[in-house]
Protein backbone atom coordinates (compact mmCIF):
# COMPACT_ATOMS: atom_id res chain seq x y z
CA UNK A 1 10.13 -14.12 26.96
CA UNK A 2 13.48 -14.26 28.51
CA UNK A 3 14.00 -16.25 31.59
CA UNK A 4 16.83 -17.55 33.77
CA UNK A 5 16.78 -21.56 34.16
CA UNK A 6 18.52 -23.85 36.21
CA UNK A 7 19.83 -26.96 34.62
CA UNK A 8 22.50 -27.87 37.01
CA UNK A 9 25.02 -26.73 39.63
CA UNK A 10 27.11 -23.98 38.18
CA UNK A 11 24.82 -24.21 34.80
CA UNK A 12 22.29 -21.39 34.73
CA UNK A 13 20.86 -20.15 31.31
CA UNK A 14 19.23 -17.29 30.45
CA UNK A 15 17.02 -18.14 27.14
CA UNK A 16 13.79 -17.67 25.55
CA UNK A 17 10.71 -19.38 27.04
CA UNK A 18 7.08 -19.84 26.18
CA UNK A 19 5.46 -16.94 28.19
CA UNK A 20 2.77 -18.42 30.69
CA UNK A 21 -0.79 -18.11 30.30
CA UNK A 22 -3.54 -17.08 32.86
CA UNK A 23 -6.21 -20.15 33.84
CA UNK A 24 -8.64 -20.08 36.57
CA UNK A 25 -8.11 -18.91 39.77
CA UNK A 26 -4.37 -17.57 38.46
CA UNK A 27 -2.71 -14.20 38.36
CA UNK A 28 -0.07 -13.02 35.66
CA UNK A 29 2.49 -10.66 36.77
CA UNK A 30 5.03 -8.69 34.91
CA UNK A 31 7.97 -8.90 37.17
CA UNK A 32 9.58 -5.55 38.09
CA UNK A 33 12.42 -6.64 40.33
CA UNK A 34 13.65 -10.04 41.76
CA UNK A 35 16.33 -10.82 44.32
CA UNK A 36 18.94 -13.42 44.39
CA UNK A 37 18.59 -15.47 47.63
CA UNK A 38 21.13 -17.36 49.46
CA UNK A 39 19.17 -20.41 48.62
CA UNK A 40 19.51 -19.54 44.93
CA UNK A 41 23.13 -19.45 45.65
CA UNK A 42 23.15 -23.04 47.08
CA UNK A 43 21.26 -24.19 44.24
CA UNK A 44 23.85 -22.59 41.90
CA UNK A 45 27.06 -23.49 43.92
CA UNK A 46 25.76 -27.06 45.20
CA UNK A 47 22.53 -27.89 43.84
CA UNK A 48 19.98 -29.45 43.62
CA UNK A 49 18.37 -29.05 47.29
CA UNK A 50 15.05 -27.87 46.43
CA UNK A 51 14.94 -28.32 42.75
CA UNK A 52 13.35 -31.43 41.69
CA UNK A 53 15.46 -33.30 39.20
CA UNK A 54 14.71 -36.90 39.00
CA UNK A 55 11.07 -36.63 39.51
CA UNK A 56 8.43 -33.80 38.82
CA UNK A 57 7.63 -32.07 42.28
CA UNK A 58 4.15 -33.36 43.20
CA UNK A 59 2.67 -29.84 43.35
CA UNK A 60 4.21 -28.04 40.35
CA UNK A 61 4.67 -31.04 38.05
CA UNK A 62 7.77 -29.89 36.93
CA UNK A 63 11.45 -30.78 37.28
CA UNK A 64 14.60 -29.37 36.10
CA UNK A 65 15.46 -27.10 34.01
CA UNK A 66 13.27 -24.77 35.88
CA UNK A 67 13.21 -20.99 36.08
CA UNK A 68 14.48 -19.31 39.36
CA UNK A 69 13.55 -16.45 41.50
CA UNK A 70 11.51 -16.56 44.59
CA UNK A 71 12.02 -13.20 45.91
CA UNK A 72 10.13 -10.73 43.71
CA UNK A 73 7.23 -8.25 43.02
CA UNK A 74 5.56 -6.72 40.08
CA UNK A 75 2.46 -5.65 38.57
CA UNK A 76 -0.85 -7.68 37.85
CA UNK A 77 -1.22 -7.63 34.06
CA UNK A 78 -4.13 -10.38 33.94
CA UNK A 79 -6.49 -12.36 36.16
CA UNK A 80 -7.86 -15.70 35.59
CA UNK A 81 -11.60 -16.44 36.05
CA UNK A 82 -12.68 -16.35 39.66
CA UNK A 83 -10.03 -13.97 40.86
CA UNK A 84 -11.37 -11.21 43.41
CA UNK A 85 -8.13 -10.65 45.60
CA UNK A 86 -6.22 -8.17 43.03
CA UNK A 87 -7.08 -6.63 39.61
CA UNK A 88 -5.09 -5.60 36.52
CA UNK A 89 -2.75 -2.78 37.38
CA UNK A 90 -2.42 -3.77 41.04
CA UNK A 91 1.43 -3.75 42.44
CA UNK A 92 1.72 -6.65 44.57
CA UNK A 93 4.51 -9.09 46.04
CA UNK A 94 4.42 -12.85 45.69
CA UNK A 95 4.56 -15.11 48.80
CA UNK A 96 5.97 -18.15 46.71
CA UNK A 97 5.15 -21.11 48.90
CA UNK A 98 3.47 -24.14 47.14
CA UNK A 99 1.47 -26.25 49.62
CA UNK A 100 -1.03 -29.05 49.38
CA UNK A 101 -3.62 -27.82 51.62
CA UNK A 102 -4.47 -31.48 52.77
CA UNK A 103 -1.62 -32.64 54.94
CA UNK A 104 -1.78 -32.39 58.79
CA UNK A 105 0.38 -29.08 58.83
CA UNK A 106 -1.71 -27.37 56.31
CA UNK A 107 -5.11 -28.45 58.09
CA UNK A 108 -3.72 -26.93 61.14
CA UNK A 109 -2.75 -23.62 59.02
CA UNK A 110 0.77 -24.13 59.16
CA UNK A 111 1.10 -24.28 55.52
CA UNK A 112 5.09 -23.66 55.59
CA UNK A 113 5.49 -26.96 57.17
CA UNK A 114 3.61 -28.90 54.42
CA UNK A 115 4.44 -32.68 53.64
CA UNK A 116 4.95 -31.48 49.79
CA UNK A 117 6.37 -28.01 50.68
CA UNK A 118 7.82 -26.22 47.41
CA UNK A 119 8.23 -22.84 46.16
CA UNK A 120 7.46 -20.86 42.93
CA UNK A 121 10.89 -20.16 41.54
CA UNK A 122 12.60 -23.27 42.94
CA UNK A 123 10.36 -26.23 42.48
CA UNK A 124 9.01 -25.44 39.16
CA UNK A 125 5.75 -23.63 37.91
CA UNK A 126 7.67 -20.50 36.97
CA UNK A 127 9.54 -17.68 38.99
CA UNK A 128 10.57 -14.34 39.49
CA UNK A 129 13.70 -14.28 37.23
CA UNK A 130 11.52 -14.03 33.82
CA UNK A 131 9.65 -11.17 32.33
CA UNK A 132 6.24 -12.55 33.14
CA UNK A 133 4.89 -15.47 35.73
CA UNK A 134 1.85 -16.85 36.75
CA UNK A 135 0.86 -17.94 40.38
CA UNK A 136 -2.34 -18.90 42.31
CA UNK A 137 -4.35 -16.30 43.74
CA UNK A 138 -3.47 -17.22 47.26
CA UNK A 139 0.24 -16.25 46.63
CA UNK A 140 -0.34 -12.56 45.91
CA UNK A 141 -0.46 -9.68 48.29
CA UNK A 142 -1.39 -6.08 46.96
CA UNK A 143 1.24 -3.82 48.12
CA UNK A 144 0.76 -0.26 50.35
CA UNK A 145 0.77 2.77 48.75
CA UNK A 146 4.05 4.25 48.89
CA UNK A 147 6.18 1.03 48.79
CA UNK A 148 8.62 0.90 46.08
CA UNK A 149 9.03 -2.15 43.72
CA UNK A 150 12.64 -2.23 45.09
CA UNK A 151 11.39 -2.55 48.80
CA UNK A 152 8.72 -5.03 47.66
CA UNK A 153 11.57 -7.59 46.08
CA UNK A 154 12.82 -7.59 49.80
CA UNK A 155 9.38 -8.72 51.39
CA UNK A 156 10.03 -12.37 51.00
CA UNK A 157 13.53 -12.39 52.64
CA UNK A 158 12.29 -10.13 55.33
CA UNK A 159 9.53 -12.48 55.99
CA UNK A 160 11.77 -15.24 56.91
CA UNK A 161 13.95 -12.75 59.04
CA UNK A 162 10.61 -11.77 61.00
CA UNK A 163 9.23 -15.24 61.00
CA UNK A 164 12.51 -16.40 62.83
CA UNK A 165 12.34 -13.63 65.31
CA UNK A 166 8.51 -14.09 66.04
CA UNK A 167 8.83 -17.76 66.26
CA UNK A 168 11.95 -17.31 68.97
CA UNK A 169 11.28 -16.92 72.65
CA UNK A 170 12.90 -13.51 72.56
CA UNK A 171 10.77 -10.61 74.39
CA UNK A 172 11.29 -6.79 74.58
CA UNK A 173 14.61 -5.96 76.44
CA UNK A 174 16.14 -9.53 75.75
CA UNK A 175 19.84 -9.80 74.06
CA UNK A 176 20.25 -11.76 70.99
CA UNK A 177 23.42 -12.62 68.79
CA UNK A 178 23.08 -13.04 65.01
CA UNK A 179 25.39 -15.46 63.70
CA UNK A 180 26.32 -14.45 60.03
CA UNK A 181 25.46 -11.13 58.28
CA UNK A 182 24.57 -11.86 55.03
CA UNK A 183 21.16 -10.54 53.49
CA UNK A 184 19.26 -12.92 55.76
CA UNK A 185 21.26 -12.07 58.87
CA UNK A 186 21.07 -8.48 58.36
CA UNK A 187 17.35 -8.87 57.84
CA UNK A 188 17.37 -10.63 61.36
CA UNK A 189 18.85 -7.67 62.89
CA UNK A 190 15.96 -5.39 61.49
CA UNK A 191 13.25 -7.73 62.73
CA UNK A 192 15.10 -8.12 66.31
CA UNK A 193 15.06 -3.98 66.44
CA UNK A 194 11.37 -4.01 65.50
CA UNK A 195 10.43 -6.87 68.25
CA UNK A 196 12.53 -4.69 70.86
CA UNK A 197 15.57 -6.48 71.54
CA UNK A 198 17.91 -4.33 73.78
CA UNK A 199 21.06 -5.81 72.84
CA UNK A 200 22.02 -7.13 69.18
CA UNK A 201 25.35 -8.58 68.47
CA UNK A 202 26.59 -9.54 64.96
CA UNK A 203 29.04 -12.30 64.36
CA UNK A 204 30.78 -12.35 60.92
CA UNK A 205 34.07 -12.77 59.14
CA UNK A 206 33.54 -10.19 56.53
CA UNK A 207 34.61 -6.78 57.77
CA UNK A 208 32.30 -5.15 54.98
CA UNK A 209 29.31 -7.03 56.34
CA UNK A 210 29.94 -6.23 59.93
CA UNK A 211 30.31 -2.52 58.78
CA UNK A 212 27.03 -2.74 57.38
CA UNK A 213 25.65 -4.80 60.50
CA UNK A 214 26.70 -1.63 62.44
CA UNK A 215 25.03 0.67 60.30
CA UNK A 216 21.90 -1.08 60.66
CA UNK A 217 22.07 -0.78 64.50
CA UNK A 218 24.16 -3.70 65.71
CA UNK A 219 24.97 -2.98 69.36
CA UNK A 220 28.52 -4.55 68.87
CA UNK A 221 30.24 -6.59 66.13
CA UNK A 222 32.65 -9.54 66.44
CA UNK A 223 34.89 -11.17 63.82
CA UNK A 224 35.53 -14.64 64.89
CA UNK A 225 39.10 -14.64 63.00
CA UNK A 226 40.11 -12.23 65.59
CA UNK A 227 38.38 -13.09 68.68
CA UNK A 228 36.43 -15.83 70.52
CA UNK A 229 32.82 -14.97 69.80
CA UNK A 230 31.46 -17.51 72.59
CA UNK A 231 33.92 -15.89 75.07
CA UNK A 232 33.36 -12.35 73.96
CA UNK A 233 29.47 -12.65 73.79
CA UNK A 234 29.44 -14.03 77.51
CA UNK A 235 31.68 -11.14 78.52
CA UNK A 236 29.33 -8.37 76.89
CA UNK A 237 26.29 -9.69 77.86
CA UNK A 238 27.33 -11.19 81.63
CA UNK A 239 26.38 -14.42 81.00
CA UNK A 240 25.37 -15.22 77.52
CA UNK A 241 22.42 -13.84 75.19
CA UNK A 242 19.00 -14.91 75.52
CA UNK A 243 18.42 -16.03 72.05
CA UNK A 244 21.17 -16.74 69.15
CA UNK A 245 20.23 -17.02 65.64
CA UNK A 246 22.25 -19.15 63.29
CA UNK A 247 22.39 -17.69 59.66
CA UNK A 248 25.38 -19.24 57.93
CA UNK A 249 25.20 -22.94 57.42
CA UNK A 250 28.66 -23.37 58.44
CA UNK A 251 28.81 -26.58 60.83
CA UNK A 252 31.46 -25.01 63.40
CA UNK A 253 29.19 -22.01 63.80
CA UNK A 254 26.02 -23.93 65.04
CA UNK A 255 27.94 -25.07 68.12
CA UNK A 256 29.29 -21.53 68.76
CA UNK A 257 25.73 -20.35 68.54
CA UNK A 258 24.61 -22.84 71.05
CA UNK A 259 27.36 -22.09 73.39
CA UNK A 260 26.91 -18.41 73.23
CA UNK A 261 23.39 -18.62 74.86
CA UNK A 262 22.83 -18.36 78.51
CA UNK A 263 21.44 -21.25 80.70
CA UNK A 264 17.80 -21.95 79.27
CA UNK A 265 18.94 -19.91 76.10
CA UNK A 266 17.64 -20.49 72.83
CA UNK A 267 19.16 -21.10 69.34
CA UNK A 268 17.12 -20.45 65.97
CA UNK A 269 18.61 -22.38 63.04
CA UNK A 270 17.67 -20.28 60.25
CA UNK A 271 19.93 -21.53 57.27
CA UNK A 272 19.57 -24.31 54.84
CA UNK A 273 22.11 -26.84 55.17
CA UNK A 274 24.35 -28.43 52.28
CA UNK A 275 25.81 -31.06 54.60
CA UNK A 276 25.94 -32.41 58.31
CA UNK A 277 26.81 -30.28 61.46
CA UNK A 278 27.87 -32.34 64.55
CA UNK A 279 27.19 -30.77 68.11
CA UNK A 280 27.68 -31.79 71.73
CA UNK A 281 24.59 -32.61 73.18
CA UNK A 282 25.67 -31.94 76.58
CA UNK A 283 26.27 -28.31 75.77
CA UNK A 284 22.40 -28.35 75.55
CA UNK A 285 21.43 -30.56 78.18
CA UNK A 286 23.61 -29.27 81.25
CA UNK A 287 22.21 -25.73 80.58
CA UNK A 288 18.66 -26.72 79.66
CA UNK A 289 18.88 -24.74 76.35
CA UNK A 290 16.93 -25.12 73.37
CA UNK A 291 17.63 -25.39 69.47
CA UNK A 292 14.90 -25.04 67.17
CA UNK A 293 14.65 -24.71 63.22
CA UNK A 294 12.34 -22.40 61.12
CA UNK A 295 11.54 -22.78 57.45
CA UNK A 296 10.30 -19.87 55.30
CA UNK A 297 7.22 -18.00 56.92
CA UNK A 298 3.41 -18.02 57.28
CA UNK A 299 0.89 -15.32 57.51
CA UNK A 300 3.43 -12.48 57.79
CA UNK A 301 3.77 -10.63 54.55
CA UNK A 302 1.52 -7.86 55.30
CA UNK A 303 3.05 -7.23 58.60
CA UNK A 304 6.48 -6.92 56.84
CA UNK A 305 4.93 -4.50 54.49
CA UNK A 306 3.53 -2.37 57.43
CA UNK A 307 6.95 -2.45 58.99
CA UNK A 308 8.69 -1.36 55.79
CA UNK A 309 6.27 1.56 55.76
CA UNK A 310 7.56 2.51 59.19
CA UNK A 311 11.40 2.30 57.57
CA UNK A 312 12.61 -1.26 58.60
CA UNK A 313 14.23 -3.29 56.42
CA UNK A 314 15.46 -0.24 53.96
CA UNK A 315 16.23 -1.13 50.52
CA UNK A 316 18.73 1.94 50.23
CA UNK A 317 20.79 0.09 52.83
CA UNK A 318 20.48 -3.35 51.87
CA UNK A 319 20.37 -3.41 47.91
CA UNK A 320 24.03 -2.97 46.83
CA UNK A 321 23.76 -4.03 43.06
CA UNK A 322 21.29 -3.59 40.41
CA UNK A 323 21.53 -5.89 37.27
CA UNK A 324 19.89 -7.18 33.93
CA UNK A 325 18.90 -10.48 33.54
CA UNK A 326 21.09 -11.31 30.94
CA UNK A 327 23.90 -10.52 33.58
CA UNK A 328 22.31 -12.68 36.31
CA UNK A 329 25.25 -15.49 36.14
CA UNK A 330 28.37 -13.31 35.75
CA UNK A 331 26.99 -10.17 37.62
CA UNK A 332 24.70 -12.11 40.16
CA UNK A 333 25.75 -15.20 41.17
CA UNK A 334 29.60 -15.11 40.44
CA UNK A 335 29.66 -11.99 42.03
CA UNK A 336 27.97 -13.13 45.18
CA UNK A 337 30.26 -16.26 45.36
CA UNK A 338 33.30 -13.77 45.12
CA UNK A 339 32.67 -10.54 46.60
CA UNK A 340 31.58 -10.63 50.37
CA UNK A 341 30.57 -6.91 50.42
CA UNK A 342 27.72 -7.60 48.21
CA UNK A 343 24.50 -7.66 50.50
CA UNK A 344 21.48 -8.02 48.11
CA UNK A 345 21.78 -7.88 44.49
CA UNK A 346 18.13 -7.27 42.50
CA UNK A 347 17.71 -8.56 38.83
CA UNK A 348 15.24 -6.32 36.50
CA UNK A 349 13.90 -9.06 33.97
């Protein structure tokens, strides 16, 4: 079968690999759609970040080259011995977290904080940028009736956004700012709407993405190339937002997000970072602000799909391009590097 494998930064190859076989407790899936994630883009531009290179990942046993793709859905074509959660023919989405099940975080049910955290499609073991993939039974969630496969490919990134909002201190009626309106930032706007935020402000340098934020219901948009986002947010909100979400991974933006909040405000860091970011701690201390990070998600995929059934996280507004696996580098990764009007690109293996 064909699959897209990461060899190094700027070196992803579509090539023939052996089709995976089902084992006990495993599920084989024919991939229908897979999305290119911001993390995939980081790996392409400046990796490795999550991808194991020198030593095999402790849970997958693999190291580079590895098959990419962790935002995907498909149809079950075969199940291993003992599998009861799904059957052949079921449409499913995959929650791609690899966890050990034994560390303190896993034992408390916080498997996204596993000491050996990995992801199917980043850490080895296969991935969604392939015709077929095999995953553990615990990773699969049956899709509800009426949900399209294109919508299914958005469940994983939408889960990141909904987890970020759930983990924040945001309450219905609160004011929020989203710094960065790439795919995850736009999904955070959707999650904030679902959570009952009264005012949602989008901060972004791309005019095309600001327009998309407006379409999705942002109260107002701010271009930091044209005005000071911190000053503008304090003006618009009468003292700062209750919660700011940092979704850029740009060092200077982190301080802006913190400064945009009110006293006792909160900043949630959603980005994965390629380098360090400097902040002034007094800006946190003197206002008794909080800063917290989130990684991935836990126990949230069913809730995301229920919200999708109600019209949240709409694929028709978020998917801007659909490509074949053979085009993944030129029409996928390179396009995302160069065209800021792109939101979510889906790949059809």
